């Protein structure tokens, strides 16, 4: 059976372990859930974090 090369492909998921292969990205909704865990060091960073978290 021929193998298809999907080397430019990126897996887009909810960060479940079974999808942790190759290039991996979180969908926008799941990525935004992690924003509150970021450390902010400047007022501008804090404001940006609060803007996204709303």
Protein backbone atom coordinates (compact mmCIF):
# COMPACT_ATOMS: atom_id res chain seq x y z
CA UNK A 1 0.00 0.00 0.00
CA UNK A 2 1.51 3.41 -0.94
CA UNK A 3 2.29 5.86 1.85
CA UNK A 4 1.23 9.48 1.55
CA UNK A 5 3.73 12.06 2.75
CA UNK A 6 1.89 14.51 5.01
CA UNK A 7 5.03 16.32 6.18
CA UNK A 8 3.55 19.84 5.86
CA UNK A 9 0.46 18.76 7.82
CA UNK A 10 -0.24 20.07 11.32
CA UNK A 11 -2.45 18.23 13.80
CA UNK A 12 -5.10 20.59 15.23
CA UNK A 13 -6.77 19.21 18.36
CA UNK A 14 -7.80 19.74 21.97
CA UNK A 15 -4.33 18.69 23.31
CA UNK A 16 -5.38 15.09 23.94
CA UNK A 17 -2.39 12.77 24.27
CA UNK A 18 -3.34 10.55 21.35
CA UNK A 19 -2.85 13.53 19.01
CA UNK A 20 0.64 14.42 20.30
CA UNK A 21 2.44 13.53 17.08
CA UNK A 22 4.41 15.57 14.57
CA UNK A 23 3.59 19.27 14.39
CA UNK A 24 0.81 19.96 16.85
CA UNK A 25 -1.38 23.01 17.42
CA UNK A 26 -4.30 23.76 19.68
CA UNK A 27 -7.50 25.12 18.24
CA UNK A 28 -8.26 28.72 19.21
CA UNK A 29 -10.78 27.77 21.89
CA UNK A 30 -8.46 25.34 23.65
CA UNK A 31 -5.43 27.61 23.31
CA UNK A 32 -7.30 30.51 24.95
CA UNK A 33 -8.08 28.32 27.96
CA UNK A 34 -4.36 28.34 28.81
CA UNK A 35 -3.94 32.12 28.67
CA UNK A 36 -4.75 32.52 32.37
CA UNK A 37 -1.69 30.37 33.22
CA UNK A 38 0.75 32.77 31.56
CA UNK A 39 2.96 34.94 33.75
CA UNK A 40 2.80 38.64 32.94
CA UNK A 41 5.61 41.05 33.80
CA UNK A 42 4.45 44.39 32.44
CA UNK A 43 1.17 46.30 32.56
CA UNK A 44 0.85 45.88 28.78
CA UNK A 45 1.20 42.10 29.03
CA UNK A 46 -1.34 41.97 31.85
CA UNK A 47 -3.81 44.07 29.85
CA UNK A 48 -3.38 41.81 26.81
CA UNK A 49 -3.95 38.72 28.95
CA UNK A 50 -7.09 40.18 30.47
CA UNK A 51 -8.37 41.21 27.04
CA UNK A 52 -8.04 37.63 25.71
CA UNK A 53 -9.38 35.99 28.87
CA UNK A 54 -12.69 37.83 28.66
